[in-house]
Amino acid sequence: MSHRKFEAPRHGHLGFGPRKRTRSHRGRVKAYPKDDAKKPVHMTAFMGYKAGMTHIVRDLERPGSSKFWQ
């Protein structure tokens, strides 16, 4: 079997790999389509981001909670 994975995009769940932290949390638009002044105004690009790279810290101050004052 040849090394096809270098010549084609991954399919299915493997399309979300590699699972690692991103270099920056801001998205990048790599290419913009050319605007035509004769056509009406429309969205030329959509800036996305890599999901799942957030970190949330919260305190639980509910008596009876398993994490109360720990």
Protein backbone atom coordinates (compact mmCIF):
# COMPACT_ATOMS: atom_id res chain seq x y z
CA MET A 1 0.00 0.00 0.00
CA SER A 2 1.42 3.37 -0.94
CA HIS A 3 1.55 6.45 1.28
CA ARG A 4 -1.79 7.85 0.19
CA LYS A 5 -2.28 9.84 3.40
CA PHE A 6 0.19 12.43 2.16
CA GLU A 7 -1.72 12.95 -1.09
CA ALA A 8 -5.33 13.17 0.11
CA PRO A 9 -7.18 14.73 3.03
CA ARG A 10 -8.23 12.56 5.93
CA HIS A 11 -11.79 11.30 6.07
CA GLY A 12 -14.20 10.96 8.96
CA HIS A 13 -12.95 11.34 12.53
CA LEU A 14 -9.31 11.50 11.42
CA GLY A 15 -10.08 14.80 9.69
CA PHE A 16 -9.91 16.49 13.10
CA GLY A 17 -6.32 15.43 13.77
CA PRO A 18 -3.73 15.99 14.94
CA ARG A 19 -5.16 16.49 18.43
CA LYS A 20 -2.82 19.07 19.90
CA ARG A 21 -2.87 22.62 21.15
CA THR A 22 -3.01 25.29 18.51
CA ARG A 23 -0.29 27.92 18.11
CA SER A 24 -2.77 30.78 18.38
CA HIS A 25 -6.41 31.01 19.41
CA ARG A 26 -7.16 33.46 16.61
CA GLY A 27 -8.15 32.05 13.26
CA ARG A 28 -6.38 32.77 9.99
CA VAL A 29 -7.87 33.44 6.59
CA LYS A 30 -5.36 32.06 4.13
CA ALA A 31 -6.97 33.29 0.92
CA TYR A 32 -9.53 35.91 0.01
CA PRO A 33 -11.56 35.69 -3.19
CA LYS A 34 -11.30 38.65 -5.51
CA ASP A 35 -14.07 41.22 -5.12
CA ASP A 36 -16.00 42.42 -8.14
CA ALA A 37 -17.28 46.00 -7.82
CA LYS A 38 -20.14 45.24 -10.22
CA LYS A 39 -21.67 42.55 -7.99
CA PRO A 40 -23.61 43.31 -4.76
CA VAL A 41 -21.84 43.22 -1.41
CA HIS A 42 -21.53 39.73 0.06
CA MET A 43 -19.47 37.89 2.65
CA THR A 44 -16.10 37.05 1.14
CA ALA A 45 -14.57 35.05 4.00
CA PHE A 46 -15.49 33.43 7.29
CA MET A 47 -12.96 33.41 10.09
CA GLY A 48 -13.14 30.30 12.23
CA TYR A 49 -11.15 28.95 15.13
CA LYS A 50 -10.05 25.62 16.47
CA ALA A 51 -12.65 24.48 18.98
CA GLY A 52 -11.89 22.88 22.30
CA MET A 53 -8.86 24.97 23.19
CA THR A 54 -10.45 26.91 26.05
CA HIS A 55 -9.77 26.64 29.76
CA ILE A 56 -12.39 27.46 32.38
CA VAL A 57 -11.73 27.84 36.11
CA ARG A 58 -14.68 28.17 38.45
CA ASP A 59 -15.30 28.02 42.18
CA LEU A 60 -18.10 26.02 43.71
CA GLU A 61 -19.44 27.64 46.84
CA ARG A 62 -22.49 25.45 47.32
CA PRO A 63 -22.69 23.67 50.67
CA GLY A 64 -23.19 19.97 50.11
CA SER A 65 -21.17 19.92 46.90
CA SER A 66 -18.38 17.35 46.70
CA LYS A 67 -15.91 20.11 45.74
CA PHE A 68 -17.01 22.63 48.38
CA TRP A 69 -13.97 24.51 49.83
CA GLN A 70 -11.36 22.18 48.41
